Amino acid sequence: MKLFSRSALPSEYAQRLADHIGRRPRVLAWARTQDGVLVALHDRLVQMVDDDVVGLGWHDILRGGWDDEGKAMRWVQMSTGEESRVPLVEAGSFPEVFKERVESTFLFQTAIYPRPGKAVTISARRNLMDEGARVLWTAHPARGVRMDEETVAFTEAELGRLRAEYAF
C-alpha cells in the first residue's frame, strides 16, 4: 500500500536506500524535500540529500512533528540534542506516519515533580531497529528545571522505582 501518493519512492532513491540498509526497504511513507527525500521505514527515519543517506532510529527522536505554518518536518535528536528542520515540497501522509512511528517506541511515560511546578519526564522506549535491545529509560527536564544535586537524586530514585515497577 502506498501511503504517500500514487507513485512509489523513485527508483534512484529506492536503490540507494536498499544499498544503505542492506535489503529492499519497506517504505511506509515518503516526502520530497527541496533537495532530496525523507523516508519513513518501520524502524527509522531516513533523509537522503544528494549522495548522503542518513538514518535515525525513531527511538532517538525526543520530540518533533509537522510545522504547518513553515510546511516542514522538525525534530530534536535525543542522543545529541541536535535540532533538525526539513521543509517538504509535498507532505502527503508523512507527518502522520512520523508521529505514529515516534509514538510506537514509547512503552511508558510519566511526569515526576522534584519541586512544585517543576517537571521531569521519565520515559521507557523500545528500539525498533533492534528488537532484542534493552528498553531505553530516559529522564528529560522541562524548560526551566535545573538538574541540581537534589533534582538529580530525586529523579534517579524515581527512575529506579519505575524500572522495578514496570520491569520491561
N, C-alpha and C. Protein backbone atom coordinates (compact mmCIF):
# COMPACT_ATOMS: atom_id res chain seq x y z
N MET A 1 0.84 -1.17 0.00
CA MET A 1 0.00 0.00 0.00
C MET A 1 0.89 1.24 0.00
N LYS A 2 0.58 2.16 -0.84
CA LYS A 2 1.35 3.40 -0.91
C LYS A 2 0.60 4.46 -0.13
N LEU A 3 1.21 4.90 0.97
CA LEU A 3 0.53 5.85 1.83
C LEU A 3 0.73 7.30 1.40
N PHE A 4 1.81 7.59 0.69
CA PHE A 4 2.13 8.98 0.38
C PHE A 4 1.44 9.48 -0.88
N SER A 5 1.55 8.75 -1.93
CA SER A 5 0.98 9.22 -3.19
C SER A 5 0.70 8.02 -4.07
N ARG A 6 0.31 8.30 -5.27
CA ARG A 6 0.04 7.21 -6.21
C ARG A 6 1.32 6.59 -6.75
N SER A 7 2.45 7.22 -6.50
CA SER A 7 3.70 6.67 -7.01
C SER A 7 4.59 6.21 -5.87
N ALA A 8 5.35 5.19 -6.13
CA ALA A 8 6.29 4.66 -5.14
C ALA A 8 7.51 5.58 -5.07
N LEU A 9 8.33 5.33 -4.06
CA LEU A 9 9.59 6.04 -3.93
C LEU A 9 10.35 5.91 -5.25
N PRO A 10 10.80 7.01 -5.85
CA PRO A 10 11.50 6.93 -7.14
C PRO A 10 12.66 5.92 -7.07
N SER A 11 12.86 5.21 -8.15
CA SER A 11 13.81 4.09 -8.18
C SER A 11 15.23 4.49 -7.79
N GLU A 12 15.66 5.70 -8.16
CA GLU A 12 17.03 6.10 -7.79
C GLU A 12 17.20 6.21 -6.28
N TYR A 13 16.14 6.62 -5.60
CA TYR A 13 16.19 6.69 -4.13
C TYR A 13 16.02 5.30 -3.53
N ALA A 14 15.12 4.52 -4.09
CA ALA A 14 14.87 3.17 -3.57
C ALA A 14 16.14 2.32 -3.61
N GLN A 15 16.90 2.41 -4.69
CA GLN A 15 18.13 1.61 -4.79
C GLN A 15 19.18 2.09 -3.80
N ARG A 16 19.35 3.39 -3.66
CA ARG A 16 20.32 3.91 -2.68
C ARG A 16 19.92 3.54 -1.26
N LEU A 17 18.62 3.57 -0.99
CA LEU A 17 18.12 3.20 0.33
C LEU A 17 18.38 1.72 0.59
N ALA A 18 18.11 0.88 -0.39
CA ALA A 18 18.37 -0.56 -0.24
C ALA A 18 19.86 -0.82 0.00
N ASP A 19 20.71 -0.12 -0.71
CA ASP A 19 22.16 -0.27 -0.50
C ASP A 19 22.55 0.17 0.91
N HIS A 20 21.92 1.23 1.41
CA HIS A 20 22.25 1.77 2.72
C HIS A 20 21.83 0.82 3.85
N ILE A 21 20.63 0.25 3.76
CA ILE A 21 20.14 -0.60 4.85
C ILE A 21 20.43 -2.08 4.63
N GLY A 22 20.91 -2.44 3.46
CA GLY A 22 21.30 -3.81 3.20
C GLY A 22 20.18 -4.75 2.80
N ARG A 23 19.06 -4.21 2.44
CA ARG A 23 17.92 -5.01 2.00
C ARG A 23 16.92 -4.11 1.27
N ARG A 24 15.97 -4.73 0.64
CA ARG A 24 14.92 -3.96 -0.03
C ARG A 24 14.06 -3.29 1.04
N PRO A 25 13.89 -1.98 0.97
CA PRO A 25 13.14 -1.28 2.02
C PRO A 25 11.63 -1.45 1.89
N ARG A 26 10.97 -1.49 3.03
CA ARG A 26 9.51 -1.44 3.06
C ARG A 26 9.15 -0.02 3.48
N VAL A 27 8.83 0.81 2.53
CA VAL A 27 8.58 2.23 2.75
C VAL A 27 7.14 2.42 3.25
N LEU A 28 7.01 3.07 4.43
CA LEU A 28 5.68 3.38 4.96
C LEU A 28 5.15 4.68 4.37
N ALA A 29 6.04 5.65 4.21
CA ALA A 29 5.67 6.94 3.61
C ALA A 29 6.96 7.63 3.19
N TRP A 30 6.84 8.53 2.25
CA TRP A 30 7.99 9.34 1.87
C TRP A 30 7.49 10.70 1.43
N ALA A 31 8.40 11.65 1.50
CA ALA A 31 8.05 13.01 1.10
C ALA A 31 9.24 13.64 0.39
N ARG A 32 8.95 14.38 -0.64
CA ARG A 32 10.01 15.08 -1.37
C ARG A 32 10.38 16.35 -0.62
N THR A 33 11.68 16.56 -0.48
CA THR A 33 12.19 17.78 0.13
C THR A 33 12.72 18.67 -0.98
N GLN A 34 13.24 19.82 -0.62
CA GLN A 34 13.77 20.72 -1.63
C GLN A 34 15.00 20.14 -2.32
N ASP A 35 15.73 19.25 -1.62
CA ASP A 35 16.97 18.71 -2.19
C ASP A 35 17.10 17.20 -2.06
N GLY A 36 16.00 16.50 -1.86
CA GLY A 36 16.06 15.04 -1.71
C GLY A 36 14.72 14.50 -1.25
N VAL A 37 14.78 13.52 -0.33
CA VAL A 37 13.56 12.92 0.21
C VAL A 37 13.74 12.57 1.68
N LEU A 38 12.62 12.51 2.39
CA LEU A 38 12.55 11.91 3.71
C LEU A 38 11.75 10.63 3.54
N VAL A 39 12.21 9.56 4.17
CA VAL A 39 11.57 8.27 4.04
C VAL A 39 11.28 7.71 5.43
N ALA A 40 10.06 7.23 5.62
CA ALA A 40 9.68 6.59 6.88
C ALA A 40 9.68 5.08 6.66
N LEU A 41 10.57 4.40 7.36
CA LEU A 41 10.59 2.94 7.38
C LEU A 41 10.02 2.49 8.72
N HIS A 42 9.78 1.23 8.87
CA HIS A 42 9.24 0.70 10.13
C HIS A 42 10.11 1.10 11.31
N ASP A 43 11.41 1.02 11.15
CA ASP A 43 12.33 1.18 12.28
C ASP A 43 13.09 2.49 12.32
N ARG A 44 13.02 3.30 11.27
CA ARG A 44 13.83 4.52 11.24
C ARG A 44 13.31 5.54 10.24
N LEU A 45 13.79 6.76 10.46
CA LEU A 45 13.60 7.88 9.55
C LEU A 45 14.88 7.97 8.72
N VAL A 46 14.75 8.12 7.42
CA VAL A 46 15.92 8.24 6.55
C VAL A 46 15.81 9.54 5.76
N GLN A 47 16.90 10.30 5.78
CA GLN A 47 16.97 11.53 4.99
C GLN A 47 18.01 11.31 3.90
N MET A 48 17.61 11.57 2.67
CA MET A 48 18.50 11.40 1.53
C MET A 48 18.64 12.75 0.82
N VAL A 49 19.89 13.25 0.78
CA VAL A 49 20.21 14.51 0.12
C VAL A 49 21.45 14.26 -0.72
N ASP A 50 21.33 14.51 -2.01
CA ASP A 50 22.43 14.24 -2.94
C ASP A 50 22.91 12.80 -2.72
N ASP A 51 24.19 12.61 -2.41
CA ASP A 51 24.71 11.25 -2.20
C ASP A 51 24.66 10.81 -0.74
N ASP A 52 24.22 11.70 0.14
CA ASP A 52 24.16 11.37 1.57
C ASP A 52 22.87 10.65 1.93
N VAL A 53 23.01 9.57 2.69
CA VAL A 53 21.88 8.83 3.21
C VAL A 53 22.11 8.72 4.72
N VAL A 54 21.21 9.33 5.50
CA VAL A 54 21.37 9.33 6.95
C VAL A 54 20.11 8.76 7.58
N GLY A 55 20.30 7.75 8.44
CA GLY A 55 19.18 7.15 9.13
C GLY A 55 19.17 7.54 10.60
N LEU A 56 17.99 7.61 11.17
CA LEU A 56 17.82 7.95 12.58
C LEU A 56 16.71 7.08 13.14
N GLY A 57 17.03 6.28 14.15
CA GLY A 57 16.03 5.43 14.78
C GLY A 57 14.91 6.26 15.38
N TRP A 58 13.68 5.79 15.26
CA TRP A 58 12.54 6.53 15.82
C TRP A 58 12.70 6.74 17.32
N HIS A 59 13.35 5.81 17.99
CA HIS A 59 13.54 5.92 19.45
C HIS A 59 14.49 7.06 19.82
N ASP A 60 15.25 7.57 18.85
CA ASP A 60 16.22 8.64 19.11
C ASP A 60 15.63 10.02 18.82
N ILE A 61 14.34 10.09 18.54
CA ILE A 61 13.69 11.37 18.33
C ILE A 61 12.99 11.75 19.63
N LEU A 62 13.52 12.77 20.28
CA LEU A 62 12.97 13.22 21.56
C LEU A 62 11.58 13.83 21.38
N ARG A 63 11.48 14.72 20.41
CA ARG A 63 10.20 15.34 20.10
C ARG A 63 10.29 15.89 18.67
N GLY A 64 9.14 16.13 18.10
CA GLY A 64 9.12 16.68 16.75
C GLY A 64 7.75 16.54 16.14
N GLY A 65 7.67 16.91 14.88
CA GLY A 65 6.41 16.80 14.17
C GLY A 65 6.34 17.78 13.02
N TRP A 66 5.15 17.99 12.57
CA TRP A 66 4.86 18.81 11.40
C TRP A 66 4.65 20.26 11.81
N ASP A 67 5.33 21.16 11.15
CA ASP A 67 5.15 22.60 11.32
C ASP A 67 4.31 23.05 10.14
N ASP A 68 3.01 23.19 10.37
CA ASP A 68 2.08 23.51 9.28
C ASP A 68 2.35 24.90 8.70
N GLU A 69 2.72 25.83 9.56
CA GLU A 69 2.99 27.19 9.10
C GLU A 69 4.22 27.23 8.19
N GLY A 70 5.27 26.54 8.59
CA GLY A 70 6.51 26.53 7.81
C GLY A 70 6.58 25.40 6.79
N LYS A 71 5.55 24.54 6.76
CA LYS A 71 5.49 23.40 5.83
C LYS A 71 6.77 22.57 5.92
N ALA A 72 7.14 22.22 7.17
CA ALA A 72 8.39 21.48 7.38
C ALA A 72 8.23 20.45 8.49
N MET A 73 9.02 19.40 8.40
CA MET A 73 9.14 18.45 9.50
C MET A 73 10.26 18.96 10.39
N ARG A 74 10.08 18.80 11.69
CA ARG A 74 11.12 19.21 12.63
C ARG A 74 11.23 18.14 13.70
N TRP A 75 12.43 17.99 14.25
CA TRP A 75 12.64 17.04 15.33
C TRP A 75 13.91 17.38 16.09
N VAL A 76 13.98 16.87 17.31
CA VAL A 76 15.15 17.01 18.16
C VAL A 76 15.68 15.60 18.41
N GLN A 77 16.94 15.41 18.11
CA GLN A 77 17.56 14.10 18.31
C GLN A 77 17.94 13.95 19.78
N MET A 78 17.45 12.89 20.41
CA MET A 78 17.66 12.70 21.83
C MET A 78 19.14 12.52 22.18
N SER A 79 19.87 11.73 21.42
CA SER A 79 21.25 11.42 21.77
C SER A 79 22.21 12.60 21.65
N THR A 80 21.87 13.58 20.80
CA THR A 80 22.79 14.70 20.57
C THR A 80 22.20 16.06 20.91
N GLY A 81 20.88 16.13 20.98
CA GLY A 81 20.22 17.43 21.19
C GLY A 81 20.12 18.24 19.91
N GLU A 82 20.62 17.69 18.81
CA GLU A 82 20.59 18.40 17.52
C GLU A 82 19.15 18.60 17.06
N GLU A 83 18.86 19.82 16.62
CA GLU A 83 17.54 20.14 16.09
C GLU A 83 17.60 20.13 14.57
N SER A 84 16.60 19.51 13.96
CA SER A 84 16.52 19.45 12.50
C SER A 84 15.19 20.02 12.05
N ARG A 85 15.24 20.67 10.91
CA ARG A 85 14.04 21.23 10.28
C ARG A 85 14.19 21.01 8.79
N VAL A 86 13.25 20.27 8.19
CA VAL A 86 13.34 19.94 6.78
C VAL A 86 12.05 20.35 6.08
N PRO A 87 12.10 21.41 5.26
CA PRO A 87 10.92 21.81 4.50
C PRO A 87 10.54 20.72 3.49
N LEU A 88 9.23 20.49 3.36
CA LEU A 88 8.75 19.49 2.41
C LEU A 88 8.06 20.18 1.24
N VAL A 89 8.31 19.65 0.05
CA VAL A 89 7.66 20.16 -1.16
C VAL A 89 6.20 19.73 -1.14
N GLU A 90 5.96 18.48 -0.71
CA GLU A 90 4.61 17.95 -0.57
C GLU A 90 4.63 16.98 0.60
N ALA A 91 3.78 17.22 1.59
CA ALA A 91 3.83 16.44 2.83
C ALA A 91 3.14 15.08 2.71
N GLY A 92 2.02 15.03 2.00
CA GLY A 92 1.28 13.77 1.92
C GLY A 92 0.96 13.25 3.32
N SER A 93 1.11 11.96 3.55
CA SER A 93 0.82 11.36 4.85
C SER A 93 2.07 11.26 5.72
N PHE A 94 3.18 11.82 5.26
CA PHE A 94 4.42 11.69 6.02
C PHE A 94 4.29 12.19 7.46
N PRO A 95 3.71 13.37 7.73
CA PRO A 95 3.60 13.83 9.12
C PRO A 95 2.86 12.85 10.04
N GLU A 96 1.80 12.25 9.55
CA GLU A 96 1.05 11.29 10.36
C GLU A 96 1.86 10.04 10.64
N VAL A 97 2.57 9.55 9.63
CA VAL A 97 3.40 8.36 9.81
C VAL A 97 4.56 8.67 10.76
N PHE A 98 5.17 9.83 10.63
CA PHE A 98 6.23 10.26 11.54
C PHE A 98 5.73 10.20 12.98
N LYS A 99 4.59 10.81 13.24
CA LYS A 99 4.02 10.84 14.59
C LYS A 99 3.75 9.44 15.10
N GLU A 100 3.15 8.61 14.28
CA GLU A 100 2.82 7.24 14.70
C GLU A 100 4.07 6.44 15.02
N ARG A 101 5.11 6.58 14.20
CA ARG A 101 6.35 5.81 14.41
C ARG A 101 7.07 6.25 15.68
N VAL A 102 7.15 7.55 15.93
CA VAL A 102 7.79 8.01 17.17
C VAL A 102 7.00 7.50 18.36
N GLU A 103 5.68 7.66 18.32
CA GLU A 103 4.84 7.22 19.44
C GLU A 103 4.92 5.71 19.66
N SER A 104 5.14 4.94 18.60
CA SER A 104 5.20 3.48 18.74
C SER A 104 6.40 3.02 19.55
N THR A 105 7.39 3.89 19.76
CA THR A 105 8.55 3.50 20.55
C THR A 105 8.31 3.62 22.05
N PHE A 106 7.27 4.35 22.46
CA PHE A 106 7.01 4.57 23.88
C PHE A 106 6.27 3.39 24.50
N LEU A 107 6.85 2.85 25.55
CA LEU A 107 6.18 1.82 26.34
C LEU A 107 5.53 2.44 27.57
N PHE A 108 6.15 3.51 28.06
CA PHE A 108 5.70 4.14 29.29
C PHE A 108 6.24 5.57 29.32
N GLN A 109 5.44 6.49 29.87
CA GLN A 109 5.90 7.87 30.04
C GLN A 109 5.10 8.51 31.17
N THR A 110 5.79 9.22 32.05
CA THR A 110 5.13 9.92 33.14
C THR A 110 5.94 11.14 33.54
N ALA A 111 5.28 12.07 34.17
CA ALA A 111 5.96 13.25 34.70
C ALA A 111 6.12 13.08 36.21
N ILE A 112 7.31 13.45 36.70
CA ILE A 112 7.56 13.48 38.13
C ILE A 112 7.85 14.93 38.50
N TYR A 113 7.70 15.26 39.77
CA TYR A 113 7.83 16.65 40.20
C TYR A 113 8.80 16.74 41.38
N PRO A 114 10.08 16.99 41.08
CA PRO A 114 11.06 17.12 42.16
C PRO A 114 10.80 18.34 43.04
N ARG A 115 10.14 19.34 42.49
CA ARG A 115 9.73 20.54 43.21
C ARG A 115 8.37 20.96 42.64
N PRO A 116 7.55 21.60 43.43
CA PRO A 116 6.25 22.03 42.91
C PRO A 116 6.40 22.86 41.63
N GLY A 117 5.64 22.46 40.61
CA GLY A 117 5.65 23.19 39.34
C GLY A 117 6.86 22.91 38.46
N LYS A 118 7.77 22.05 38.89
CA LYS A 118 8.97 21.71 38.11
C LYS A 118 8.91 20.23 37.73
N ALA A 119 8.76 19.95 36.44
CA ALA A 119 8.55 18.57 35.99
C ALA A 119 9.77 18.00 35.28
N VAL A 120 9.93 16.70 35.45
CA VAL A 120 10.89 15.90 34.70
C VAL A 120 10.08 14.75 34.11
N THR A 121 10.23 14.50 32.82
CA THR A 121 9.51 13.42 32.17
C THR A 121 10.40 12.19 32.11
N ILE A 122 9.87 11.08 32.61
CA ILE A 122 10.57 9.80 32.53
C ILE A 122 9.86 8.95 31.49
N SER A 123 10.66 8.35 30.60
CA SER A 123 10.12 7.53 29.52
C SER A 123 10.85 6.21 29.44
N ALA A 124 10.11 5.19 29.01
CA ALA A 124 10.68 3.90 28.66
C ALA A 124 10.36 3.70 27.18
N ARG A 125 11.41 3.50 26.37
CA ARG A 125 11.20 3.38 24.93
C ARG A 125 11.90 2.15 24.39
N ARG A 126 11.35 1.63 23.31
CA ARG A 126 11.97 0.48 22.65
C ARG A 126 12.65 0.92 21.36
N ASN A 127 13.67 0.20 21.02
CA ASN A 127 14.45 0.47 19.82
C ASN A 127 13.91 -0.42 18.71
N LEU A 128 13.22 0.15 17.75
CA LEU A 128 12.64 -0.63 16.65
C LEU A 128 13.69 -1.15 15.68
N MET A 129 14.90 -0.59 15.75
CA MET A 129 15.98 -1.03 14.87
C MET A 129 16.62 -2.32 15.39
N ASP A 130 16.41 -2.63 16.68
CA ASP A 130 16.99 -3.81 17.30
C ASP A 130 15.99 -4.34 18.32
N GLU A 131 15.14 -5.25 17.88
CA GLU A 131 14.08 -5.77 18.74
C GLU A 131 14.62 -6.44 20.00
N GLY A 132 15.88 -6.89 19.97
CA GLY A 132 16.48 -7.53 21.13
C GLY A 132 17.13 -6.56 22.10
N ALA A 133 17.15 -5.29 21.75
CA ALA A 133 17.81 -4.28 22.59
C ALA A 133 17.02 -4.07 23.88
N ARG A 134 17.73 -3.70 24.92
CA ARG A 134 17.08 -3.38 26.18
C ARG A 134 16.22 -2.13 26.03
N VAL A 135 15.24 -2.02 26.89
CA VAL A 135 14.39 -0.83 26.92
C VAL A 135 15.26 0.35 27.35
N LEU A 136 15.07 1.47 26.70
CA LEU A 136 15.83 2.69 26.98
C LEU A 136 15.01 3.58 27.90
N TRP A 137 15.49 3.75 29.13
CA TRP A 137 14.85 4.63 30.10
C TRP A 137 15.55 5.97 30.08
N THR A 138 14.79 7.05 29.99
CA THR A 138 15.38 8.39 29.96
C THR A 138 14.59 9.33 30.86
N ALA A 139 15.26 10.39 31.27
CA ALA A 139 14.63 11.45 32.04
C ALA A 139 14.99 12.78 31.39
N HIS A 140 13.97 13.60 31.12
CA HIS A 140 14.18 14.88 30.46
C HIS A 140 13.48 15.99 31.24
N PRO A 141 14.27 16.97 31.71
CA PRO A 141 13.65 18.07 32.46
C PRO A 141 12.87 19.00 31.54
N ALA A 142 11.77 19.54 32.08
CA ALA A 142 11.01 20.55 31.35
C ALA A 142 11.84 21.83 31.32
N ARG A 143 11.46 22.74 30.45
CA ARG A 143 12.17 24.02 30.39
C ARG A 143 12.14 24.69 31.76
N GLY A 144 13.27 25.25 32.12
CA GLY A 144 13.36 25.97 33.38
C GLY A 144 13.71 25.11 34.58
N VAL A 145 13.82 23.80 34.39
CA VAL A 145 14.17 22.91 35.50
C VAL A 145 15.68 22.69 35.50
N ARG A 146 16.31 23.12 36.58
CA ARG A 146 17.76 22.90 36.74
C ARG A 146 17.98 21.52 37.33
N MET A 147 18.89 20.79 36.76
CA MET A 147 19.20 19.45 37.25
C MET A 147 20.31 19.56 38.31
N ASP A 148 19.98 20.16 39.44
CA ASP A 148 20.93 20.27 40.54
C ASP A 148 20.98 18.92 41.28
N GLU A 149 21.81 18.82 42.31
CA GLU A 149 22.00 17.55 43.02
C GLU A 149 20.70 16.99 43.58
N GLU A 150 19.89 17.84 44.16
CA GLU A 150 18.63 17.39 44.74
C GLU A 150 17.68 16.85 43.67
N THR A 151 17.58 17.56 42.56
CA THR A 151 16.70 17.13 41.46
C THR A 151 17.21 15.84 40.83
N VAL A 152 18.52 15.73 40.64
CA VAL A 152 19.10 14.51 40.08
C VAL A 152 18.83 13.33 41.01
N ALA A 153 19.04 13.51 42.31
CA ALA A 153 18.81 12.42 43.26
C ALA A 153 17.35 11.98 43.26
N PHE A 154 16.43 12.94 43.26
CA PHE A 154 15.01 12.62 43.22
C PHE A 154 14.67 11.86 41.93
N THR A 155 15.19 12.35 40.81
CA THR A 155 14.92 11.72 39.51
C THR A 155 15.48 10.31 39.45
N GLU A 156 16.71 10.11 39.93
CA GLU A 156 17.31 8.77 39.93
C GLU A 156 16.51 7.80 40.80
N ALA A 157 16.04 8.27 41.96
CA ALA A 157 15.23 7.42 42.83
C ALA A 157 13.93 7.01 42.14
N GLU A 158 13.25 7.98 41.51
CA GLU A 158 12.01 7.69 40.81
C GLU A 158 12.24 6.77 39.61
N LEU A 159 13.32 7.01 38.91
CA LEU A 159 13.68 6.17 37.77
C LEU A 159 13.89 4.73 38.23
N GLY A 160 14.61 4.54 39.33
CA GLY A 160 14.82 3.19 39.88
C GLY A 160 13.53 2.53 40.29
N ARG A 161 12.66 3.29 40.95
CA ARG A 161 11.36 2.76 41.37
C ARG A 161 10.52 2.34 40.17
N LEU A 162 10.47 3.20 39.14
CA LEU A 162 9.66 2.90 37.96
C LEU A 162 10.23 1.73 37.18
N ARG A 163 11.53 1.63 37.07
CA ARG A 163 12.15 0.49 36.39
C ARG A 163 11.76 -0.81 37.07
N ALA A 164 11.80 -0.83 38.40
CA ALA A 164 11.43 -2.03 39.14
C ALA A 164 9.94 -2.34 38.99
N GLU A 165 9.11 -1.30 39.04
CA GLU A 165 7.68 -1.49 38.94
C GLU A 165 7.24 -1.97 37.57
N TYR A 166 7.89 -1.47 36.52
CA TYR A 166 7.48 -1.79 35.15
C TYR A 166 8.40 -2.76 34.45
N ALA A 167 9.31 -3.37 35.11
CA ALA A 167 10.26 -4.38 34.62
C ALA A 167 10.04 -4.83 33.16
N PHE A 168 10.25 -3.94 32.23
CA PHE A 168 10.13 -4.27 30.80
C PHE A 168 11.31 -5.11 30.38
